[in-house]
C-alpha atoms as a PDB file:
ATOM      1  CA  UNK A   1     -29.711 -28.421  19.864  1.00  0.00           C
ATOM      2  CA  UNK A   2     -27.992 -25.549  21.290  1.00  0.00           C
ATOM      3  CA  UNK A   3     -27.630 -22.294  19.464  1.00  0.00           C
ATOM      4  CA  UNK A   4     -23.999 -22.064  19.531  1.00  0.00           C
ATOM      5  CA  UNK A   5     -23.867 -25.669  18.195  1.00  0.00           C
ATOM      6  CA  UNK A   6     -26.293 -24.673  15.460  1.00  0.00           C
ATOM      7  CA  UNK A   7     -24.286 -21.403  14.705  1.00  0.00           C
ATOM      8  CA  UNK A   8     -21.130 -24.127  14.127  1.00  0.00           C
ATOM      9  CA  UNK A   9     -22.915 -26.203  11.669  1.00  0.00           C
ATOM     10  CA  UNK A  10     -24.164 -23.727   9.554  1.00  0.00           C
ATOM     11  CA  UNK A  11     -20.482 -22.207   9.529  1.00  0.00           C
ATOM     12  CA  UNK A  12     -18.920 -25.207   8.590  1.00  0.00           C
ATOM     13  CA  UNK A  13     -22.141 -25.583   5.736  1.00  0.00           C
ATOM     14  CA  UNK A  14     -21.445 -22.445   4.626  1.00  0.00           C
ATOM     15  CA  UNK A  15     -17.547 -23.114   4.323  1.00  0.00           C
ATOM     16  CA  UNK A  16     -18.723 -26.401   1.872  1.00  0.00           C
ATOM     17  CA  UNK A  17     -21.458 -24.280  -0.023  1.00  0.00           C
ATOM     18  CA  UNK A  18     -21.901 -20.530   0.679  1.00  0.00           C
ATOM     19  CA  UNK A  19     -25.365 -19.056   0.112  1.00  0.00           C
ATOM     20  CA  UNK A  20     -27.340 -16.109   0.756  1.00  0.00           C
ATOM     21  CA  UNK A  21     -30.071 -18.433   2.764  1.00  0.00           C
ATOM     22  CA  UNK A  22     -26.890 -19.770   5.207  1.00  0.00           C
ATOM     23  CA  UNK A  23     -25.688 -16.188   5.597  1.00  0.00           C
ATOM     24  CA  UNK A  24     -29.114 -14.716   6.693  1.00  0.00           C
ATOM     25  CA  UNK A  25     -29.293 -17.872   9.001  1.00  0.00           C
ATOM     26  CA  UNK A  26     -25.988 -17.508  10.349  1.00  0.00           C
ATOM     27  CA  UNK A  27     -26.552 -13.970  10.948  1.00  0.00           C
ATOM     28  CA  UNK A  28     -29.843 -14.503  12.615  1.00  0.00           C
ATOM     29  CA  UNK A  29     -28.376 -17.065  15.020  1.00  0.00           C
ATOM     30  CA  UNK A  30     -25.363 -14.773  15.660  1.00  0.00           C
ATOM     31  CA  UNK A  31     -27.669 -11.795  16.728  1.00  0.00           C
ATOM     32  CA  UNK A  32     -29.966 -14.244  18.669  1.00  0.00           C
ATOM     33  CA  UNK A  33     -26.846 -15.495  20.802  1.00  0.00           C
ATOM     34  CA  UNK A  34     -25.860 -11.484  21.424  1.00  0.00           C
ATOM     35  CA  UNK A  35     -29.065 -10.218  22.813  1.00  0.00           C
ATOM     36  CA  UNK A  36     -29.087 -13.534  24.874  1.00  0.00           C
ATOM     37  CA  UNK A  37     -25.790 -12.879  26.060  1.00  0.00           C
ATOM     38  CA  UNK A  38     -26.428  -9.039  26.726  1.00  0.00           C
ATOM     39  CA  UNK A  39     -29.820  -9.981  28.612  1.00  0.00           C
ATOM     40  CA  UNK A  40     -27.853 -12.719  30.941  1.00  0.00           C
ATOM     41  CA  UNK A  41     -25.300  -9.908  31.574  1.00  0.00           C
ATOM     42  CA  UNK A  42     -27.926  -7.533  32.609  1.00  0.00           C
ATOM     43  CA  UNK A  43     -29.122 -10.306  34.994  1.00  0.00           C
ATOM     44  CA  UNK A  44     -25.800 -10.448  36.376  1.00  0.00           C
ATOM     45  CA  UNK A  45     -26.063  -7.410  37.396  1.00  0.00           C
ATOM     46  CA  UNK A  46     -22.320  -5.792  35.826  1.00  0.00           C
ATOM     47  CA  UNK A  47     -21.343  -5.249  32.412  1.00  0.00           C
ATOM     48  CA  UNK A  48     -18.011  -4.470  30.953  1.00  0.00           C
ATOM     49  CA  UNK A  49     -18.045  -2.897  27.834  1.00  0.00           C
ATOM     50  CA  UNK A  50     -15.431  -1.084  26.276  1.00  0.00           C
ATOM     51  CA  UNK A  51     -13.644  -0.803  29.695  1.00  0.00           C
ATOM     52  CA  UNK A  52     -16.409   0.670  31.507  1.00  0.00           C
ATOM     53  CA  UNK A  53     -17.827  -1.282  34.769  1.00  0.00           C
ATOM     54  CA  UNK A  54     -21.673  -0.308  35.365  1.00  0.00           C
ATOM     55  CA  UNK A  55     -24.059  -1.771  38.111  1.00  0.00           C
ATOM     56  CA  UNK A  56     -27.121  -3.521  37.277  1.00  0.00           C
ATOM     57  CA  UNK A  57     -29.686  -1.223  36.429  1.00  0.00           C
ATOM     58  CA  UNK A  58     -26.957   0.852  34.186  1.00  0.00           C
ATOM     59  CA  UNK A  59     -26.498  -2.513  32.814  1.00  0.00           C
ATOM     60  CA  UNK A  60     -30.082  -3.514  32.049  1.00  0.00           C
ATOM     61  CA  UNK A  61     -30.923   0.277  30.612  1.00  0.00           C
ATOM     62  CA  UNK A  62     -27.705  -0.096  28.208  1.00  0.00           C
ATOM     63  CA  UNK A  63     -28.805  -3.982  27.161  1.00  0.00           C
ATOM     64  CA  UNK A  64     -32.329  -2.509  26.747  1.00  0.00           C
ATOM     65  CA  UNK A  65     -31.260   0.746  24.607  1.00  0.00           C
ATOM     66  CA  UNK A  66     -28.851  -1.671  22.576  1.00  0.00           C
ATOM     67  CA  UNK A  67     -31.358  -4.287  21.635  1.00  0.00           C
ATOM     68  CA  UNK A  68     -34.276  -1.435  20.972  1.00  0.00           C
ATOM     69  CA  UNK A  69     -31.505   0.194  18.790  1.00  0.00           C
ATOM     70  CA  UNK A  70     -30.691  -2.662  16.629  1.00  0.00           C
ATOM     71  CA  UNK A  71     -34.282  -3.423  16.642  1.00  0.00           C
ATOM     72  CA  UNK A  72     -35.215   0.072  14.877  1.00  0.00           C
ATOM     73  CA  UNK A  73     -32.220  -0.512  12.334  1.00  0.00           C
ATOM     74  CA  UNK A  74     -34.048  -3.541  11.427  1.00  0.00           C
ATOM     75  CA  UNK A  75     -37.216  -1.782  10.906  1.00  0.00           C
ATOM     76  CA  UNK A  76     -34.938   1.010   9.125  1.00  0.00           C
ATOM     77  CA  UNK A  77     -35.880   3.657  11.610  1.00  0.00           C
ATOM     78  CA  UNK A  78     -32.386   4.800  11.657  1.00  0.00           C
ATOM     79  CA  UNK A  79     -32.662   8.415  13.297  1.00  0.00           C
ATOM     80  CA  UNK A  80     -34.785   6.744  16.315  1.00  0.00           C
ATOM     81  CA  UNK A  81     -31.618   3.818  16.440  1.00  0.00           C
ATOM     82  CA  UNK A  82     -29.050   6.326  16.557  1.00  0.00           C
ATOM     83  CA  UNK A  83     -30.767   8.179  19.488  1.00  0.00           C
ATOM     84  CA  UNK A  84     -31.037   4.872  21.395  1.00  0.00           C
ATOM     85  CA  UNK A  85     -27.246   4.180  20.743  1.00  0.00           C
ATOM     86  CA  UNK A  86     -26.420   7.472  21.858  1.00  0.00           C
ATOM     87  CA  UNK A  87     -28.107   6.619  24.930  1.00  0.00           C
ATOM     88  CA  UNK A  88     -26.129   3.757  25.630  1.00  0.00           C
ATOM     89  CA  UNK A  89     -23.076   5.242  24.718  1.00  0.00           C
ATOM     90  CA  UNK A  90     -23.619   7.617  27.702  1.00  0.00           C
ATOM     91  CA  UNK A  91     -24.071   4.959  30.133  1.00  0.00           C
ATOM     92  CA  UNK A  92     -21.005   2.613  28.626  1.00  0.00           C
ATOM     93  CA  UNK A  93     -19.059   4.244  25.832  1.00  0.00           C
ATOM     94  CA  UNK A  94     -17.133   1.687  23.425  1.00  0.00           C
ATOM     95  CA  UNK A  95     -15.518   1.735  20.268  1.00  0.00           C
ATOM     96  CA  UNK A  96     -18.459  -1.017  19.009  1.00  0.00           C
ATOM     97  CA  UNK A  97     -21.267   1.351  19.926  1.00  0.00           C
ATOM     98  CA  UNK A  98     -19.549   4.547  18.499  1.00  0.00           C
ATOM     99  CA  UNK A  99     -18.990   2.783  15.034  1.00  0.00           C
ATOM    100  CA  UNK A 100     -23.007   1.911  15.118  1.00  0.00           C
ATOM    101  CA  UNK A 101     -23.761   5.284  15.581  1.00  0.00           C
ATOM    102  CA  UNK A 102     -21.579   6.610  12.505  1.00  0.00           C
ATOM    103  CA  UNK A 103     -23.233   3.999  10.474  1.00  0.00           C
ATOM    104  CA  UNK A 104     -26.334   5.268  11.408  1.00  0.00           C
ATOM    105  CA  UNK A 105     -25.310   8.557  10.829  1.00  0.00           C
ATOM    106  CA  UNK A 106     -23.956   7.914   7.356  1.00  0.00           C
ATOM    107  CA  UNK A 107     -27.346   6.427   6.773  1.00  0.00           C
ATOM    108  CA  UNK A 108     -29.459   8.893   8.113  1.00  0.00           C
END
């Protein structure tokens, strides 16, 4: 079963009977799908984020920084995550990334 299909099944199950365990699984699958999408975008050589067009190496660096930042958040290293997100923002500014940075600043 593909991850997108699994996500659909879990979301349907959550609609029938919500639980923290299902919510956690849905979140993990969504995170995995997003990370895979970012990796695929970097491999293609171009990433459009917030209207910015970047070349292959910039896209790869951007995706690496965002993925590392997300991992640092999971590891509760907010200051380091903010630094990674800030570096990524310099490559390709976006509202989504700006919001991640604001959340880090509030938590820090």
